[in-house]
């Protein structure tokens, strides 16, 4: 019974044990390849124009306070929403990625497009709905992709479509309601995100490497930042747009 009460690991077992401990530590520290960050605004926040919806009383009544333009959405702590953040350089050339089967969504609610900025992959389904009791007209003014223009009465089926070419970005209009504006970005890779109302974003699953991250905002154009993504952890990136 010599050695009773002691833990003896064979070399193979010890390797498996150490690998398990390393994996556990990795999962606790974070997701490798995730680039997270916050988009901020430096300067006095511009005052957005109140939208006159008096010709659509149902939509006007759905907003209290009155709706304002979404051209610039600055949070109370200076963060910036609706900023498109994506990898613009550093990915292997010619590499293809699986197309998500889940559809991206674009809704019309309160005579506003939701979300204001939609990002998806080439040939990923886009599901367009009308939650309003009024007719809308969806008009993506594309250049690399096919431009189309379709009406969507209340209660009508969703419009399901796809874009077959990368394009950043496609303005979307409603010909019935000129204040309605949105943007669609189409990528040939899955490494992109849109900042939320807190200005936060996450680009998931980047392989180790050196990348250029581009942030696009409809009024102030682009900001770029270089980032090295290691094999053992993610990276945090802060992006700032300055008032002009």
Protein backbone atom coordinates (compact mmCIF):
# COMPACT_ATOMS: atom_id res chain seq x y z
CA UNK A 1 0.00 0.00 0.00
CA UNK A 2 3.01 2.23 -0.41
CA UNK A 3 2.09 5.72 -1.66
CA UNK A 4 -1.52 5.42 -0.58
CA UNK A 5 -3.21 8.83 -0.53
CA UNK A 6 -0.83 10.41 -3.05
CA UNK A 7 -1.86 11.54 -6.52
CA UNK A 8 0.30 9.95 -9.16
CA UNK A 9 -0.06 11.14 -12.75
CA UNK A 10 1.48 9.34 -15.65
CA UNK A 11 3.26 11.60 -18.18
CA UNK A 12 0.33 11.39 -20.60
CA UNK A 13 -2.16 12.11 -17.85
CA UNK A 14 -0.09 14.99 -16.58
CA UNK A 15 -0.05 16.58 -20.04
CA UNK A 16 -3.81 16.29 -20.28
CA UNK A 17 -4.18 17.76 -16.80
CA UNK A 18 -1.95 20.73 -17.60
CA UNK A 19 -3.75 21.30 -20.90
CA UNK A 20 -7.08 21.34 -19.08
CA UNK A 21 -5.75 23.87 -16.55
CA UNK A 22 -4.44 26.07 -19.37
CA UNK A 23 -7.78 25.92 -21.18
CA UNK A 24 -9.61 26.82 -17.98
CA UNK A 25 -7.33 29.80 -17.43
CA UNK A 26 -7.84 30.88 -21.05
CA UNK A 27 -11.62 30.79 -20.70
CA UNK A 28 -11.47 32.86 -17.54
CA UNK A 29 -9.20 35.53 -19.04
CA UNK A 30 -11.40 36.13 -22.08
CA UNK A 31 -12.13 35.27 -25.69
CA UNK A 32 -9.05 35.18 -27.88
CA UNK A 33 -9.44 37.21 -31.03
CA UNK A 34 -12.24 39.47 -29.79
CA UNK A 35 -11.61 43.16 -30.43
CA UNK A 36 -13.75 45.22 -28.07
CA UNK A 37 -13.93 48.91 -27.51
CA UNK A 38 -15.86 52.13 -27.14
CA UNK A 39 -16.49 54.88 -29.67
CA UNK A 40 -16.45 58.33 -28.11
CA UNK A 41 -17.20 61.86 -29.19
CA UNK A 42 -14.83 64.71 -28.35
CA UNK A 43 -16.49 68.09 -28.24
CA UNK A 44 -19.94 69.59 -27.72
CA UNK A 45 -22.64 67.26 -28.94
CA UNK A 46 -24.48 68.69 -31.95
CA UNK A 47 -28.19 69.28 -31.48
CA UNK A 48 -30.17 67.11 -33.84
CA UNK A 49 -33.13 68.56 -35.69
CA UNK A 50 -36.61 67.57 -34.54
CA UNK A 51 -38.42 65.60 -37.24
CA UNK A 52 -41.73 66.99 -38.46
CA UNK A 53 -44.07 64.00 -38.79
CA UNK A 54 -47.29 66.02 -38.85
CA UNK A 55 -48.31 64.46 -42.16
CA UNK A 56 -48.28 61.03 -40.45
CA UNK A 57 -50.10 61.60 -37.12
CA UNK A 58 -49.90 57.92 -36.14
CA UNK A 59 -46.13 58.00 -36.34
CA UNK A 60 -45.90 61.40 -34.69
CA UNK A 61 -47.92 60.17 -31.70
CA UNK A 62 -45.62 57.18 -31.23
CA UNK A 63 -42.73 59.47 -30.21
CA UNK A 64 -42.66 61.24 -26.86
CA UNK A 65 -40.60 63.37 -26.87
CA UNK A 66 -40.61 64.10 -30.57
CA UNK A 67 -38.22 62.11 -32.73
CA UNK A 68 -34.96 63.69 -33.80
CA UNK A 69 -32.61 62.92 -36.68
CA UNK A 70 -30.21 60.02 -36.03
CA UNK A 71 -27.33 61.55 -37.96
CA UNK A 72 -25.31 61.85 -34.74
CA UNK A 73 -26.38 59.98 -31.59
CA UNK A 74 -24.22 61.02 -28.62
CA UNK A 75 -24.79 59.40 -25.24
CA UNK A 76 -24.84 61.34 -21.95
CA UNK A 77 -21.25 60.25 -21.21
CA UNK A 78 -19.94 61.25 -24.64
CA UNK A 79 -20.19 57.88 -26.35
CA UNK A 80 -21.23 57.59 -29.97
CA UNK A 81 -23.82 55.13 -31.31
CA UNK A 82 -24.41 53.82 -34.85
CA UNK A 83 -20.73 53.77 -35.80
CA UNK A 84 -19.70 50.99 -38.18
CA UNK A 85 -16.45 49.35 -37.02
CA UNK A 86 -14.75 46.76 -39.22
CA UNK A 87 -11.47 45.15 -40.26
CA UNK A 88 -10.30 46.93 -43.39
CA UNK A 89 -6.78 45.46 -43.76
CA UNK A 90 -4.91 42.40 -42.59
CA UNK A 91 -7.21 39.53 -43.51
CA UNK A 92 -5.85 36.82 -45.86
CA UNK A 93 -6.56 37.72 -49.46
CA UNK A 94 -8.93 35.39 -51.26
CA UNK A 95 -10.11 33.64 -48.10
CA UNK A 96 -13.82 32.89 -48.02
CA UNK A 97 -16.02 32.68 -44.93
CA UNK A 98 -19.30 30.87 -44.24
CA UNK A 99 -22.42 32.91 -44.91
CA UNK A 100 -24.61 33.21 -41.80
CA UNK A 101 -27.95 31.50 -42.21
CA UNK A 102 -29.62 33.88 -39.74
CA UNK A 103 -31.07 36.95 -41.40
CA UNK A 104 -30.14 40.52 -40.54
CA UNK A 105 -33.22 42.60 -39.76
CA UNK A 106 -34.42 46.05 -40.79
CA UNK A 107 -37.73 47.29 -39.40
CA UNK A 108 -39.82 50.42 -39.96
CA UNK A 109 -41.34 51.58 -36.70
CA UNK A 110 -42.65 55.02 -35.86
CA UNK A 111 -41.68 56.08 -39.37
CA UNK A 112 -38.02 55.45 -38.52
CA UNK A 113 -35.67 52.72 -39.69
CA UNK A 114 -34.47 50.36 -36.96
CA UNK A 115 -31.55 49.84 -36.71
CA UNK A 116 -30.10 52.99 -38.20
CA UNK A 117 -27.01 51.08 -39.40
CA UNK A 118 -27.23 47.43 -40.48
CA UNK A 119 -24.19 45.31 -41.30
CA UNK A 120 -24.23 41.88 -42.93
CA UNK A 121 -22.23 39.48 -45.08
CA UNK A 122 -22.51 39.06 -48.86
CA UNK A 123 -25.50 36.80 -49.61
CA UNK A 124 -26.69 36.84 -46.00
CA UNK A 125 -30.49 37.22 -45.91
CA UNK A 126 -31.92 40.63 -45.03
CA UNK A 127 -35.41 40.58 -43.51
CA UNK A 128 -37.26 43.90 -43.97
CA UNK A 129 -40.49 44.44 -42.04
CA UNK A 130 -43.06 47.22 -41.62
CA UNK A 131 -44.39 47.54 -38.07
CA UNK A 132 -46.28 50.76 -38.85
CA UNK A 133 -49.95 51.15 -39.83
CA UNK A 134 -48.86 53.24 -42.84
CA UNK A 135 -47.29 52.33 -46.16
CA UNK A 136 -43.53 52.65 -46.53
CA UNK A 137 -41.14 52.53 -49.44
CA UNK A 138 -37.74 50.86 -49.07
CA UNK A 139 -35.14 52.23 -51.46
CA UNK A 140 -31.50 51.09 -51.02
CA UNK A 141 -29.49 53.44 -53.23
CA UNK A 142 -26.77 50.93 -54.06
CA UNK A 143 -23.96 51.28 -56.58
CA UNK A 144 -21.96 48.00 -56.47
CA UNK A 145 -25.17 46.08 -55.84
CA UNK A 146 -28.50 46.28 -57.64
CA UNK A 147 -30.53 49.32 -56.67
CA UNK A 148 -34.16 48.51 -55.90
CA UNK A 149 -37.25 50.29 -54.70
CA UNK A 150 -40.29 48.51 -53.22
CA UNK A 151 -43.41 49.61 -51.39
CA UNK A 152 -44.48 47.79 -48.24
CA UNK A 153 -48.06 48.42 -47.09
CA UNK A 154 -49.04 47.81 -43.47
CA UNK A 155 -49.59 44.14 -42.67
CA UNK A 156 -47.82 42.98 -45.84
CA UNK A 157 -45.27 40.14 -45.79
CA UNK A 158 -41.66 40.86 -45.04
CA UNK A 159 -39.30 41.65 -47.89
CA UNK A 160 -36.47 39.12 -47.98
CA UNK A 161 -33.46 40.02 -50.06
CA UNK A 162 -29.68 39.63 -50.36
CA UNK A 163 -26.71 41.65 -51.61
CA UNK A 164 -24.17 39.85 -53.77
CA UNK A 165 -21.29 42.40 -53.65
CA UNK A 166 -19.40 44.07 -50.80
CA UNK A 167 -20.42 47.71 -50.43
CA UNK A 168 -19.77 50.26 -47.67
CA UNK A 169 -22.22 51.85 -47.25
CA UNK A 170 -25.61 51.77 -48.97
CA UNK A 171 -27.97 54.65 -48.10
CA UNK A 172 -31.58 53.57 -47.56
CA UNK A 173 -34.49 55.96 -48.12
CA UNK A 174 -38.26 55.97 -47.94
CA UNK A 175 -39.72 57.92 -50.83
CA UNK A 176 -42.94 58.51 -48.87
CA UNK A 177 -41.21 59.89 -45.76
CA UNK A 178 -38.13 61.95 -46.65
CA UNK A 179 -36.80 62.04 -43.07
CA UNK A 180 -36.37 58.27 -42.98
CA UNK A 181 -32.70 57.37 -43.44
CA UNK A 182 -30.64 54.26 -42.76
CA UNK A 183 -27.44 52.61 -43.98
CA UNK A 184 -26.55 49.06 -44.95
CA UNK A 185 -22.96 47.79 -45.04
CA UNK A 186 -22.13 44.58 -46.91
CA UNK A 187 -18.88 42.72 -46.22
CA UNK A 188 -17.03 39.73 -47.67
CA UNK A 189 -15.96 38.72 -44.14
CA UNK A 190 -17.64 38.53 -40.71
CA UNK A 191 -15.33 40.85 -38.78
CA UNK A 192 -17.46 43.93 -38.17
CA UNK A 193 -19.77 45.50 -35.60
CA UNK A 194 -21.96 48.56 -35.00
CA UNK A 195 -21.59 50.56 -31.80
CA UNK A 196 -24.58 50.36 -29.47
CA UNK A 197 -26.20 53.25 -27.51
CA UNK A 198 -23.33 53.00 -24.99
CA UNK A 199 -20.80 53.34 -27.81
CA UNK A 200 -19.63 49.77 -27.25
CA UNK A 201 -18.74 47.26 -29.97
CA UNK A 202 -17.24 43.78 -30.28
CA UNK A 203 -15.62 42.23 -33.36
CA UNK A 204 -15.54 38.52 -32.60
CA UNK A 205 -13.16 35.72 -33.48
CA UNK A 206 -10.27 37.42 -35.26
CA UNK A 207 -7.33 35.08 -35.85
CA UNK A 208 -3.96 36.28 -34.51
CA UNK A 209 -2.42 38.97 -36.69
CA UNK A 210 -1.92 42.65 -37.41
CA UNK A 211 -5.01 44.53 -38.58
CA UNK A 212 -6.31 47.93 -39.51
CA UNK A 213 -9.65 48.69 -37.89
CA UNK A 214 -11.81 51.34 -39.58
CA UNK A 215 -14.66 53.19 -37.90
CA UNK A 216 -17.21 54.92 -40.16
CA UNK A 217 -19.66 57.59 -39.05
CA UNK A 218 -22.09 59.09 -41.52
CA UNK A 219 -21.26 62.75 -40.70
CA UNK A 220 -17.55 62.58 -39.87
CA UNK A 221 -16.27 59.92 -42.20
CA UNK A 222 -13.61 57.45 -41.10
CA UNK A 223 -11.09 56.88 -38.34
CA UNK A 224 -8.50 54.08 -38.52
CA UNK A 225 -6.42 52.35 -35.87
CA UNK A 226 -3.86 49.54 -36.04
CA UNK A 227 -4.14 46.61 -33.67
CA UNK A 228 -2.18 43.43 -33.02
CA UNK A 229 -4.36 40.50 -31.99
CA UNK A 230 -2.36 37.85 -30.09
CA UNK A 231 -3.15 34.16 -29.94
CA UNK A 232 -3.94 34.14 -26.22
CA UNK A 233 -6.22 37.11 -25.64
CA UNK A 234 -8.33 39.78 -27.25
CA UNK A 235 -7.65 43.48 -27.61
CA UNK A 236 -9.38 46.65 -26.50
CA UNK A 237 -9.59 49.59 -28.89
CA UNK A 238 -10.89 53.07 -28.16
CA UNK A 239 -11.94 55.29 -31.07
CA UNK A 240 -12.67 59.01 -30.87
CA UNK A 241 -14.40 61.29 -33.35
CA UNK A 242 -13.75 64.99 -32.82
CA UNK A 243 -16.31 67.70 -33.37
CA UNK A 244 -15.74 69.75 -36.48
